[in-house]
PDB file of N, CA and C in Angstrom:
ATOM      1  N   MET A   1      16.292  11.259 -52.480  1.00  0.00           N
ATOM      2  CA  MET A   1      16.852  10.419 -51.453  1.00  0.00           C
ATOM      3  C   MET A   1      16.621  11.092 -50.107  1.00  0.00           C
ATOM      4  N   LYS A   2      16.242  10.285 -49.127  1.00  0.00           N
ATOM      5  CA  LYS A   2      15.962  10.805 -47.795  1.00  0.00           C
ATOM      6  C   LYS A   2      16.704   9.982 -46.741  1.00  0.00           C
ATOM      7  N   LYS A   3      17.032  10.646 -45.661  1.00  0.00           N
ATOM      8  CA  LYS A   3      17.613   9.980 -44.505  1.00  0.00           C
ATOM      9  C   LYS A   3      16.596  10.092 -43.372  1.00  0.00           C
ATOM     10  N   ILE A   4      16.231   8.943 -42.831  1.00  0.00           N
ATOM     11  CA  ILE A   4      15.297   8.904 -41.710  1.00  0.00           C
ATOM     12  C   ILE A   4      16.095   8.548 -40.469  1.00  0.00           C
ATOM     13  N   GLU A   5      15.994   9.395 -39.459  1.00  0.00           N
ATOM     14  CA  GLU A   5      16.604   9.117 -38.167  1.00  0.00           C
ATOM     15  C   GLU A   5      15.474   8.937 -37.176  1.00  0.00           C
ATOM     16  N   ALA A   6      15.500   7.839 -36.463  1.00  0.00           N
ATOM     17  CA  ALA A   6      14.456   7.574 -35.477  1.00  0.00           C
ATOM     18  C   ALA A   6      15.117   7.242 -34.148  1.00  0.00           C
ATOM     19  N   ILE A   7      14.707   7.938 -33.121  1.00  0.00           N
ATOM     20  CA  ILE A   7      15.176   7.657 -31.765  1.00  0.00           C
ATOM     21  C   ILE A   7      14.006   7.013 -31.049  1.00  0.00           C
ATOM     22  N   ILE A   8      14.184   5.745 -30.683  1.00  0.00           N
ATOM     23  CA  ILE A   8      13.085   4.969 -30.108  1.00  0.00           C
ATOM     24  C   ILE A   8      13.530   4.319 -28.803  1.00  0.00           C
ATOM     25  N   ARG A   9      12.570   3.833 -28.041  1.00  0.00           N
ATOM     26  CA  ARG A   9      12.875   3.068 -26.837  1.00  0.00           C
ATOM     27  C   ARG A   9      13.584   1.778 -27.236  1.00  0.00           C
ATOM     28  N   ALA A  10      14.597   1.396 -26.469  1.00  0.00           N
ATOM     29  CA  ALA A  10      15.321   0.152 -26.754  1.00  0.00           C
ATOM     30  C   ALA A  10      14.377  -1.045 -26.679  1.00  0.00           C
ATOM     31  N   SER A  11      13.395  -0.970 -25.815  1.00  0.00           N
ATOM     32  CA  SER A  11      12.453  -2.084 -25.656  1.00  0.00           C
ATOM     33  C   SER A  11      11.580  -2.293 -26.891  1.00  0.00           C
ATOM     34  N   LYS A  12      11.510  -1.314 -27.777  1.00  0.00           N
ATOM     35  CA  LYS A  12      10.683  -1.410 -28.980  1.00  0.00           C
ATOM     36  C   LYS A  12      11.497  -1.746 -30.228  1.00  0.00           C
ATOM     37  N   PHE A  13      12.812  -1.890 -30.084  1.00  0.00           N
ATOM     38  CA  PHE A  13      13.668  -2.083 -31.252  1.00  0.00           C
ATOM     39  C   PHE A  13      13.289  -3.321 -32.069  1.00  0.00           C
ATOM     40  N   ASP A  14      13.123  -4.464 -31.430  1.00  0.00           N
ATOM     41  CA  ASP A  14      12.805  -5.689 -32.176  1.00  0.00           C
ATOM     42  C   ASP A  14      11.490  -5.558 -32.936  1.00  0.00           C
ATOM     43  N   GLN A  15      10.512  -4.945 -32.315  1.00  0.00           N
ATOM     44  CA  GLN A  15       9.214  -4.760 -32.969  1.00  0.00           C
ATOM     45  C   GLN A  15       9.347  -3.832 -34.182  1.00  0.00           C
ATOM     46  N   VAL A  16      10.114  -2.758 -34.041  1.00  0.00           N
ATOM     47  CA  VAL A  16      10.322  -1.830 -35.154  1.00  0.00           C
ATOM     48  C   VAL A  16      11.077  -2.532 -36.280  1.00  0.00           C
ATOM     49  N   LYS A  17      12.121  -3.282 -35.925  1.00  0.00           N
ATOM     50  CA  LYS A  17      12.921  -3.997 -36.927  1.00  0.00           C
ATOM     51  C   LYS A  17      12.059  -4.978 -37.723  1.00  0.00           C
ATOM     52  N   GLU A  18      11.222  -5.740 -37.031  1.00  0.00           N
ATOM     53  CA  GLU A  18      10.348  -6.703 -37.704  1.00  0.00           C
ATOM     54  C   GLU A  18       9.315  -6.006 -38.589  1.00  0.00           C
ATOM     55  N   SER A  19       8.770  -4.911 -38.111  1.00  0.00           N
ATOM     56  CA  SER A  19       7.782  -4.161 -38.896  1.00  0.00           C
ATOM     57  C   SER A  19       8.405  -3.576 -40.157  1.00  0.00           C
ATOM     58  N   LEU A  20       9.633  -3.057 -40.046  1.00  0.00           N
ATOM     59  CA  LEU A  20      10.318  -2.536 -41.227  1.00  0.00           C
ATOM     60  C   LEU A  20      10.606  -3.654 -42.218  1.00  0.00           C
ATOM     61  N   SER A  21      10.995  -4.807 -41.714  1.00  0.00           N
ATOM     62  CA  SER A  21      11.280  -5.947 -42.578  1.00  0.00           C
ATOM     63  C   SER A  21      10.036  -6.359 -43.374  1.00  0.00           C
ATOM     64  N   GLU A  22       8.878  -6.308 -42.736  1.00  0.00           N
ATOM     65  CA  GLU A  22       7.619  -6.634 -43.421  1.00  0.00           C
ATOM     66  C   GLU A  22       7.326  -5.661 -44.560  1.00  0.00           C
ATOM     67  N   GLN A  23       7.898  -4.458 -44.484  1.00  0.00           N
ATOM     68  CA  GLN A  23       7.713  -3.442 -45.526  1.00  0.00           C
ATOM     69  C   GLN A  23       8.886  -3.434 -46.519  1.00  0.00           C
ATOM     70  N   CYS A  24       9.713  -4.496 -46.470  1.00  0.00           N
ATOM     71  CA  CYS A  24      10.877  -4.645 -47.362  1.00  0.00           C
ATOM     72  C   CYS A  24      11.952  -3.588 -47.124  1.00  0.00           C
ATOM     73  N   ILE A  25      12.052  -3.106 -45.896  1.00  0.00           N
ATOM     74  CA  ILE A  25      13.125  -2.191 -45.506  1.00  0.00           C
ATOM     75  C   ILE A  25      14.003  -2.974 -44.545  1.00  0.00           C
ATOM     76  N   ASN A  26      15.060  -3.553 -45.101  1.00  0.00           N
ATOM     77  CA  ASN A  26      15.880  -4.496 -44.346  1.00  0.00           C
ATOM     78  C   ASN A  26      17.287  -4.003 -44.059  1.00  0.00           C
ATOM     79  N   PHE A  27      17.594  -2.781 -44.401  1.00  0.00           N
ATOM     80  CA  PHE A  27      18.951  -2.297 -44.194  1.00  0.00           C
ATOM     81  C   PHE A  27      18.919  -0.937 -43.503  1.00  0.00           C
ATOM     82  N   PHE A  28      19.618  -0.852 -42.392  1.00  0.00           N
ATOM     83  CA  PHE A  28      19.735   0.398 -41.665  1.00  0.00           C
ATOM     84  C   PHE A  28      20.874   0.278 -40.670  1.00  0.00           C
ATOM     85  N   THR A  29      21.288   1.401 -40.144  1.00  0.00           N
ATOM     86  CA  THR A  29      22.309   1.460 -39.112  1.00  0.00           C
ATOM     87  C   THR A  29      21.610   1.783 -37.803  1.00  0.00           C
ATOM     88  N   PHE A  30      22.071   1.183 -36.720  1.00  0.00           N
ATOM     89  CA  PHE A  30      21.495   1.513 -35.417  1.00  0.00           C
ATOM     90  C   PHE A  30      22.584   1.496 -34.357  1.00  0.00           C
ATOM     91  N   TYR A  31      22.358   2.262 -33.317  1.00  0.00           N
ATOM     92  CA  TYR A  31      23.280   2.262 -32.193  1.00  0.00           C
ATOM     93  C   TYR A  31      22.559   2.724 -30.940  1.00  0.00           C
ATOM     94  N   GLU A  32      23.133   2.371 -29.792  1.00  0.00           N
ATOM     95  CA  GLU A  32      22.542   2.733 -28.509  1.00  0.00           C
ATOM     96  C   GLU A  32      22.906   4.176 -28.177  1.00  0.00           C
ATOM     97  N   VAL A  33      21.921   4.906 -27.699  1.00  0.00           N
ATOM     98  CA  VAL A  33      22.127   6.286 -27.274  1.00  0.00           C
ATOM     99  C   VAL A  33      21.433   6.486 -25.933  1.00  0.00           C
ATOM    100  N   LYS A  34      21.788   7.555 -25.249  1.00  0.00           N
ATOM    101  CA  LYS A  34      21.121   7.918 -24.001  1.00  0.00           C
ATOM    102  C   LYS A  34      20.586   9.328 -24.152  1.00  0.00           C
ATOM    103  N   GLY A  35      19.516   9.596 -23.453  1.00  0.00           N
ATOM    104  CA  GLY A  35      18.970  10.938 -23.490  1.00  0.00           C
ATOM    105  C   GLY A  35      17.718  11.032 -22.651  1.00  0.00           C
ATOM    106  N   TYR A  36      17.216  12.219 -22.566  1.00  0.00           N
ATOM    107  CA  TYR A  36      15.945  12.421 -21.894  1.00  0.00           C
ATOM    108  C   TYR A  36      15.268  13.617 -22.519  1.00  0.00           C
ATOM    109  N   GLY A  37      13.975  13.634 -22.401  1.00  0.00           N
ATOM    110  CA  GLY A  37      13.194  14.715 -22.984  1.00  0.00           C
ATOM    111  C   GLY A  37      12.414  15.436 -21.912  1.00  0.00           C
ATOM    112  N   HIS A  38      11.100  15.292 -21.949  1.00  0.00           N
ATOM    113  CA  HIS A  38      10.244  16.014 -21.022  1.00  0.00           C
ATOM    114  C   HIS A  38      10.131  15.336 -19.667  1.00  0.00           C
ATOM    115  N   GLN A  39      10.510  14.063 -19.602  1.00  0.00           N
ATOM    116  CA  GLN A  39      10.464  13.404 -18.312  1.00  0.00           C
ATOM    117  C   GLN A  39      11.605  13.938 -17.440  1.00  0.00           C
ATOM    118  N   LYS A  40      11.421  13.939 -16.135  1.00  0.00           N
ATOM    119  CA  LYS A  40      12.420  14.499 -15.241  1.00  0.00           C
ATOM    120  C   LYS A  40      13.516  13.484 -14.966  1.00  0.00           C
ATOM    121  N   SER A  41      14.715  14.009 -14.828  1.00  0.00           N
ATOM    122  CA  SER A  41      15.855  13.166 -14.516  1.00  0.00           C
ATOM    123  C   SER A  41      15.796  12.766 -13.044  1.00  0.00           C
ATOM    124  N   GLU A  42      16.264  11.574 -12.761  1.00  0.00           N
ATOM    125  CA  GLU A  42      16.230  11.050 -11.407  1.00  0.00           C
ATOM    126  C   GLU A  42      17.633  10.559 -11.054  1.00  0.00           C
ATOM    127  N   SER A  43      18.113  10.892  -9.847  1.00  0.00           N
ATOM    128  CA  SER A  43      19.447  10.436  -9.470  1.00  0.00           C
ATOM    129  C   SER A  43      19.387   9.684  -8.146  1.00  0.00           C
ATOM    130  N   ARG A  44      20.338   8.763  -8.001  1.00  0.00           N
ATOM    131  CA  ARG A  44      20.445   7.965  -6.781  1.00  0.00           C
ATOM    132  C   ARG A  44      21.887   7.972  -6.320  1.00  0.00           C
ATOM    133  N   SER A  45      22.069   7.832  -5.031  1.00  0.00           N
ATOM    134  CA  SER A  45      23.410   7.795  -4.468  1.00  0.00           C
ATOM    135  C   SER A  45      23.752   6.366  -4.065  1.00  0.00           C
ATOM    136  N   TYR A  46      24.959   5.930  -4.424  1.00  0.00           N
ATOM    137  CA  TYR A  46      25.433   4.596  -4.054  1.00  0.00           C
ATOM    138  C   TYR A  46      26.898   4.726  -3.651  1.00  0.00           C
ATOM    139  N   ARG A  47      27.188   4.417  -2.408  1.00  0.00           N
ATOM    140  CA  ARG A  47      28.543   4.504  -1.856  1.00  0.00           C
ATOM    141  C   ARG A  47      29.197   5.857  -2.118  1.00  0.00           C
ATOM    142  N   GLY A  48      28.430   6.887  -1.925  1.00  0.00           N
ATOM    143  CA  GLY A  48      28.944   8.244  -2.047  1.00  0.00           C
ATOM    144  C   GLY A  48      28.941   8.809  -3.458  1.00  0.00           C
ATOM    145  N   ALA A  49      28.709   7.980  -4.448  1.00  0.00           N
ATOM    146  CA  ALA A  49      28.666   8.463  -5.831  1.00  0.00           C
ATOM    147  C   ALA A  49      27.210   8.661  -6.249  1.00  0.00           C
ATOM    148  N   ILE A  50      26.960   9.683  -7.022  1.00  0.00           N
ATOM    149  CA  ILE A  50      25.614   9.974  -7.489  1.00  0.00           C
ATOM    150  C   ILE A  50      25.487   9.487  -8.929  1.00  0.00           C
ATOM    151  N   TYR A  51      24.460   8.673  -9.178  1.00  0.00           N
ATOM    152  CA  TYR A  51      24.207   8.125 -10.499  1.00  0.00           C
ATOM    153  C   TYR A  51      22.893   8.657 -11.015  1.00  0.00           C
ATOM    154  N   ASP A  52      22.896   9.080 -12.267  1.00  0.00           N
ATOM    155  CA  ASP A  52      21.671   9.542 -12.902  1.00  0.00           C
ATOM    156  C   ASP A  52      20.981   8.331 -13.518  1.00  0.00           C
ATOM    157  N   VAL A  53      19.808   7.997 -13.012  1.00  0.00           N
ATOM    158  CA  VAL A  53      19.064   6.838 -13.507  1.00  0.00           C
ATOM    159  C   VAL A  53      17.798   7.262 -14.256  1.00  0.00           C
ATOM    160  N   GLY A  54      17.690   8.543 -14.567  1.00  0.00           N
ATOM    161  CA  GLY A  54      16.500   9.059 -15.225  1.00  0.00           C
ATOM    162  C   GLY A  54      16.496   8.884 -16.733  1.00  0.00           C
ATOM    163  N   TYR A  55      17.589   8.411 -17.293  1.00  0.00           N
ATOM    164  CA  TYR A  55      17.642   8.224 -18.737  1.00  0.00           C
ATOM    165  C   TYR A  55      16.938   6.939 -19.137  1.00  0.00           C
ATOM    166  N   ILE A  56      16.246   6.982 -20.238  1.00  0.00           N
ATOM    167  CA  ILE A  56      15.604   5.795 -20.791  1.00  0.00           C
ATOM    168  C   ILE A  56      16.510   5.283 -21.904  1.00  0.00           C
ATOM    169  N   ALA A  57      16.797   3.992 -21.901  1.00  0.00           N
ATOM    170  CA  ALA A  57      17.633   3.413 -22.950  1.00  0.00           C
ATOM    171  C   ALA A  57      16.979   3.646 -24.310  1.00  0.00           C
ATOM    172  N   ARG A  58      17.770   4.103 -25.259  1.00  0.00           N
ATOM    173  CA  ARG A  58      17.272   4.431 -26.587  1.00  0.00           C
ATOM    174  C   ARG A  58      18.111   3.735 -27.652  1.00  0.00           C
ATOM    175  N   ILE A  59      17.501   3.571 -28.799  1.00  0.00           N
ATOM    176  CA  ILE A  59      18.189   3.109 -29.995  1.00  0.00           C
ATOM    177  C   ILE A  59      17.961   4.177 -31.053  1.00  0.00           C
ATOM    178  N   LYS A  60      19.027   4.528 -31.766  1.00  0.00           N
ATOM    179  CA  LYS A  60      18.882   5.467 -32.876  1.00  0.00           C
ATOM    180  C   LYS A  60      19.063   4.690 -34.168  1.00  0.00           C
ATOM    181  N   LEU A  61      18.065   4.769 -35.024  1.00  0.00           N
ATOM    182  CA  LEU A  61      18.104   4.139 -36.338  1.00  0.00           C
ATOM    183  C   LEU A  61      18.414   5.198 -37.385  1.00  0.00           C
ATOM    184  N   GLU A  62      19.221   4.834 -38.351  1.00  0.00           N
ATOM    185  CA  GLU A  62      19.458   5.694 -39.504  1.00  0.00           C
ATOM    186  C   GLU A  62      19.159   4.866 -40.747  1.00  0.00           C
ATOM    187  N   ILE A  63      18.209   5.335 -41.529  1.00  0.00           N
ATOM    188  CA  ILE A  63      17.750   4.603 -42.698  1.00  0.00           C
ATOM    189  C   ILE A  63      17.813   5.533 -43.899  1.00  0.00           C
ATOM    190  N   ILE A  64      18.403   5.070 -44.981  1.00  0.00           N
ATOM    191  CA  ILE A  64      18.438   5.838 -46.220  1.00  0.00           C
ATOM    192  C   ILE A  64      17.501   5.158 -47.206  1.00  0.00           C
ATOM    193  N   VAL A  65      16.539   5.935 -47.694  1.00  0.00           N
ATOM    194  CA  VAL A  65      15.528   5.377 -48.595  1.00  0.00           C
ATOM    195  C   VAL A  65      15.286   6.313 -49.771  1.00  0.00           C
ATOM    196  N   SER A  66      14.724   5.748 -50.826  1.00  0.00           N
ATOM    197  CA  SER A  66      14.284   6.579 -51.950  1.00  0.00           C
ATOM    198  C   SER A  66      12.949   7.212 -51.563  1.00  0.00           C
ATOM    199  N   GLU A  67      12.562   8.230 -52.310  1.00  0.00           N
ATOM    200  CA  GLU A  67      11.347   8.997 -52.006  1.00  0.00           C
ATOM    201  C   GLU A  67      10.112   8.109 -51.839  1.00  0.00           C
ATOM    202  N   SER A  68      10.027   7.050 -52.616  1.00  0.00           N
ATOM    203  CA  SER A  68       8.830   6.214 -52.595  1.00  0.00           C
ATOM    204  C   SER A  68       8.665   5.419 -51.298  1.00  0.00           C
ATOM    205  N   PHE A  69       9.730   5.279 -50.515  1.00  0.00           N
ATOM    206  CA  PHE A  69       9.661   4.505 -49.275  1.00  0.00           C
ATOM    207  C   PHE A  69       9.513   5.368 -48.022  1.00  0.00           C
ATOM    208  N   VAL A  70       9.613   6.681 -48.144  1.00  0.00           N
ATOM    209  CA  VAL A  70       9.645   7.559 -46.967  1.00  0.00           C
ATOM    210  C   VAL A  70       8.382   7.431 -46.120  1.00  0.00           C
ATOM    211  N   ASP A  71       7.217   7.639 -46.706  1.00  0.00           N
ATOM    212  CA  ASP A  71       5.973   7.608 -45.937  1.00  0.00           C
ATOM    213  C   ASP A  71       5.739   6.245 -45.302  1.00  0.00           C
ATOM    214  N   LYS A  72       6.034   5.196 -46.055  1.00  0.00           N
ATOM    215  CA  LYS A  72       5.865   3.842 -45.548  1.00  0.00           C
ATOM    216  C   LYS A  72       6.792   3.592 -44.352  1.00  0.00           C
ATOM    217  N   ALA A  73       8.044   4.014 -44.456  1.00  0.00           N
ATOM    218  CA  ALA A  73       9.012   3.808 -43.372  1.00  0.00           C
ATOM    219  C   ALA A  73       8.623   4.603 -42.129  1.00  0.00           C
ATOM    220  N   VAL A  74       8.266   5.860 -42.304  1.00  0.00           N
ATOM    221  CA  VAL A  74       7.910   6.716 -41.163  1.00  0.00           C
ATOM    222  C   VAL A  74       6.675   6.179 -40.445  1.00  0.00           C
ATOM    223  N   SER A  75       5.635   5.828 -41.190  1.00  0.00           N
ATOM    224  CA  SER A  75       4.416   5.330 -40.539  1.00  0.00           C
ATOM    225  C   SER A  75       4.655   3.974 -39.862  1.00  0.00           C
ATOM    226  N   THR A  76       5.489   3.149 -40.453  1.00  0.00           N
ATOM    227  CA  THR A  76       5.807   1.848 -39.862  1.00  0.00           C
ATOM    228  C   THR A  76       6.556   2.015 -38.544  1.00  0.00           C
ATOM    229  N   ILE A  77       7.554   2.874 -38.531  1.00  0.00           N
ATOM    230  CA  ILE A  77       8.318   3.120 -37.298  1.00  0.00           C
ATOM    231  C   ILE A  77       7.410   3.699 -36.218  1.00  0.00           C
ATOM    232  N   ALA A  78       6.609   4.692 -36.593  1.00  0.00           N
ATOM    233  CA  ALA A  78       5.723   5.344 -35.616  1.00  0.00           C
ATOM    234  C   ALA A  78       4.754   4.350 -34.991  1.00  0.00           C
ATOM    235  N   ALA A  79       4.164   3.495 -35.807  1.00  0.00           N
ATOM    236  CA  ALA A  79       3.193   2.526 -35.287  1.00  0.00           C
ATOM    237  C   ALA A  79       3.851   1.490 -34.393  1.00  0.00           C
ATOM    238  N   ALA A  80       5.025   1.009 -34.775  1.00  0.00           N
ATOM    239  CA  ALA A  80       5.689  -0.046 -34.008  1.00  0.00           C
ATOM    240  C   ALA A  80       6.329   0.478 -32.726  1.00  0.00           C
ATOM    241  N   ALA A  81       6.735   1.746 -32.706  1.00  0.00           N
ATOM    242  CA  ALA A  81       7.453   2.296 -31.550  1.00  0.00           C
ATOM    243  C   ALA A  81       6.530   2.950 -30.519  1.00  0.00           C
ATOM    244  N   LYS A  82       5.284   3.160 -30.857  1.00  0.00           N
ATOM    245  CA  LYS A  82       4.376   3.918 -29.987  1.00  0.00           C
ATOM    246  C   LYS A  82       3.925   3.114 -28.772  1.00  0.00           C
ATOM    247  N   THR A  83       4.047   3.747 -27.594  1.00  0.00           N
ATOM    248  CA  THR A  83       3.471   3.197 -26.367  1.00  0.00           C
ATOM    249  C   THR A  83       2.380   4.122 -25.838  1.00  0.00           C
ATOM    250  N   GLY A  84       2.382   5.377 -26.295  1.00  0.00           N
ATOM    251  CA  GLY A  84       1.419   6.355 -25.816  1.00  0.00           C
ATOM    252  C   GLY A  84       1.893   7.114 -24.585  1.00  0.00           C
ATOM    253  N   GLU A  85       3.113   6.834 -24.144  1.00  0.00           N
ATOM    254  CA  GLU A  85       3.663   7.506 -22.966  1.00  0.00           C
ATOM    255  C   GLU A  85       4.760   8.475 -23.387  1.00  0.00           C
ATOM    256  N   LYS A  86       5.091   9.419 -22.487  1.00  0.00           N
ATOM    257  CA  LYS A  86       6.196  10.318 -22.752  1.00  0.00           C
ATOM    258  C   LYS A  86       7.456   9.494 -22.963  1.00  0.00           C
ATOM    259  N   GLY A  87       8.285   9.932 -23.901  1.00  0.00           N
ATOM    260  CA  GLY A  87       9.537   9.237 -24.144  1.00  0.00           C
ATOM    261  C   GLY A  87       9.475   8.221 -25.263  1.00  0.00           C
ATOM    262  N   ASP A  88       8.405   8.228 -26.056  1.00  0.00           N
ATOM    263  CA  ASP A  88       8.312   7.286 -27.180  1.00  0.00           C
ATOM    264  C   ASP A  88       9.371   7.562 -28.242  1.00  0.00           C
ATOM    265  N   GLY A  89       9.833   8.792 -28.358  1.00  0.00           N
ATOM    266  CA  GLY A  89      10.908   9.099 -29.290  1.00  0.00           C
ATOM    267  C   GLY A  89      10.517  10.085 -30.363  1.00  0.00           C
ATOM    268  N   LEU A  90      11.407  10.191 -31.350  1.00  0.00           N
ATOM    269  CA  LEU A  90      11.242  11.136 -32.453  1.00  0.00           C
ATOM    270  C   LEU A  90      11.634  10.476 -33.761  1.00  0.00           C
ATOM    271  N   ILE A  91      11.063  10.981 -34.841  1.00  0.00           N
ATOM    272  CA  ILE A  91      11.461  10.570 -36.189  1.00  0.00           C
ATOM    273  C   ILE A  91      11.781  11.846 -36.954  1.00  0.00           C
ATOM    274  N   LEU A  92      12.976  11.877 -37.542  1.00  0.00           N
ATOM    275  CA  LEU A  92      13.408  13.028 -38.321  1.00  0.00           C
ATOM    276  C   LEU A  92      13.667  12.583 -39.753  1.00  0.00           C
ATOM    277  N   VAL A  93      13.241  13.394 -40.707  1.00  0.00           N
ATOM    278  CA  VAL A  93      13.460  13.086 -42.119  1.00  0.00           C
ATOM    279  C   VAL A  93      14.204  14.262 -42.738  1.00  0.00           C
ATOM    280  N   SER A  94      15.308  13.957 -43.416  1.00  0.00           N
ATOM    281  CA  SER A  94      16.073  15.009 -44.075  1.00  0.00           C
ATOM    282  C   SER A  94      16.441  14.582 -45.487  1.00  0.00           C
ATOM    283  N   SER A  95      16.695  15.568 -46.333  1.00  0.00           N
ATOM    284  CA  SER A  95      17.061  15.303 -47.724  1.00  0.00           C
ATOM    285  C   SER A  95      18.558  15.074 -47.838  1.00  0.00           C
ATOM    286  N   LEU A  96      18.927  14.216 -48.779  1.00  0.00           N
ATOM    287  CA  LEU A  96      20.331  13.954 -49.061  1.00  0.00           C
ATOM    288  C   LEU A  96      20.632  14.448 -50.469  1.00  0.00           C
ATOM    289  N   SER A  97      21.748  15.100 -50.629  1.00  0.00           N
ATOM    290  CA  SER A  97      22.075  15.620 -51.951  1.00  0.00           C
ATOM    291  C   SER A  97      22.756  14.585 -52.836  1.00  0.00           C
ATOM    292  N   GLN A  98      23.522  13.667 -52.240  1.00  0.00           N
ATOM    293  CA  GLN A  98      24.160  12.640 -53.051  1.00  0.00           C
ATOM    294  C   GLN A  98      24.548  11.454 -52.176  1.00  0.00           C
ATOM    295  N   ILE A  99      24.452  10.260 -52.760  1.00  0.00           N
ATOM    296  CA  ILE A  99      24.896   9.030 -52.106  1.00  0.00           C
ATOM    297  C   ILE A  99      25.799   8.314 -53.101  1.00  0.00           C
ATOM    298  N   LEU A 100      26.927   7.824 -52.628  1.00  0.00           N
ATOM    299  CA  LEU A 100      27.864   7.095 -53.473  1.00  0.00           C
ATOM    300  C   LEU A 100      28.167   5.758 -52.841  1.00  0.00           C
ATOM    301  N   ASN A 101      27.936   4.669 -53.573  1.00  0.00           N
ATOM    302  CA  ASN A 101      28.309   3.337 -53.110  1.00  0.00           C
ATOM    303  C   ASN A 101      29.795   3.176 -53.401  1.00  0.00           C
ATOM    304  N   ILE A 102      30.592   3.033 -52.369  1.00  0.00           N
ATOM    305  CA  ILE A 102      32.043   2.985 -52.525  1.00  0.00           C
ATOM    306  C   ILE A 102      32.481   1.797 -53.384  1.00  0.00           C
ATOM    307  N   ARG A 103      31.889   0.634 -53.154  1.00  0.00           N
ATOM    308  CA  ARG A 103      32.303  -0.573 -53.884  1.00  0.00           C
ATOM    309  C   ARG A 103      31.981  -0.491 -55.365  1.00  0.00           C
ATOM    310  N   THR A 104      30.751  -0.084 -55.699  1.00  0.00           N
ATOM    311  CA  THR A 104      30.308  -0.133 -57.095  1.00  0.00           C
ATOM    312  C   THR A 104      30.487   1.178 -57.854  1.00  0.00           C
ATOM    313  N   GLY A 105      30.581   2.279 -57.136  1.00  0.00           N
ATOM    314  CA  GLY A 105      30.665   3.582 -57.782  1.00  0.00           C
ATOM    315  C   GLY A 105      29.316   4.137 -58.195  1.00  0.00           C
ATOM    316  N   LEU A 106      28.243   3.397 -57.910  1.00  0.00           N
ATOM    317  CA  LEU A 106      26.894   3.861 -58.256  1.00  0.00           C
ATOM    318  C   LEU A 106      26.485   5.001 -57.337  1.00  0.00           C
ATOM    319  N   ILE A 107      25.592   5.869 -57.848  1.00  0.00           N
ATOM    320  CA  ILE A 107      25.149   6.998 -57.041  1.00  0.00           C
ATOM    321  C   ILE A 107      23.637   6.994 -56.870  1.00  0.00           C
ATOM    322  N   ASP A 108      23.205   7.679 -55.817  1.00  0.00           N
ATOM    323  CA  ASP A 108      21.809   7.933 -55.479  1.00  0.00           C
ATOM    324  C   ASP A 108      20.979   6.651 -55.394  1.00  0.00           C
ATOM    325  N   ASP A 109      19.800   6.583 -56.037  1.00  0.00           N
ATOM    326  CA  ASP A 109      18.921   5.418 -55.910  1.00  0.00           C
ATOM    327  C   ASP A 109      19.638   4.117 -56.238  1.00  0.00           C
ATOM    328  N   GLU A 110      20.451   4.126 -57.273  1.00  0.00           N
ATOM    329  CA  GLU A 110      21.180   2.925 -57.662  1.00  0.00           C
ATOM    330  C   GLU A 110      22.173   2.492 -56.586  1.00  0.00           C
ATOM    331  N   ALA A 111      22.703   3.446 -55.833  1.00  0.00           N
ATOM    332  CA  ALA A 111      23.696   3.128 -54.800  1.00  0.00           C
ATOM    333  C   ALA A 111      23.103   2.326 -53.657  1.00  0.00           C
ATOM    334  N   ILE A 112      21.869   2.609 -53.278  1.00  0.00           N
ATOM    335  CA  ILE A 112      21.283   1.874 -52.149  1.00  0.00           C
ATOM    336  C   ILE A 112      20.544   0.626 -52.586  1.00  0.00           C
ATOM    337  N   ASN A 113      20.278   0.509 -53.869  1.00  0.00           N
ATOM    338  CA  ASN A 113      19.576  -0.663 -54.376  1.00  0.00           C
ATOM    339  C   ASN A 113      20.506  -1.677 -55.027  1.00  0.00           C
ATOM    340  N   ALA A 114      21.813  -1.413 -54.965  1.00  0.00           N
ATOM    341  CA  ALA A 114      22.784  -2.324 -55.607  1.00  0.00           C
ATOM    342  C   ALA A 114      23.237  -3.406 -54.665  1.00  0.00           C
TER     343      ALA A 114
END
């Protein structure tokens, strides 16, 4: 079992979601995040307050998949999220030791496929 975390541009979210759906990966958690990487932060002043406008809107996806879906999911996300510019994001893959479906009591592969 693997957990894939992908931090992508918010503008690419719909394209990534549709591409994953085409690969039969239809379940994941996502939320809005802020951050910056190698691009420089930029700030502006408005009525005496300084606002940082250098952050690019991001979406973080968390996907739990069995081993057989890892390569397919990673390549799909990478292809759909790529613009070729700085700030395209990151994909992280980590191992999970156990997954338990609370409703059914099933574990591991059976837990996510139930």
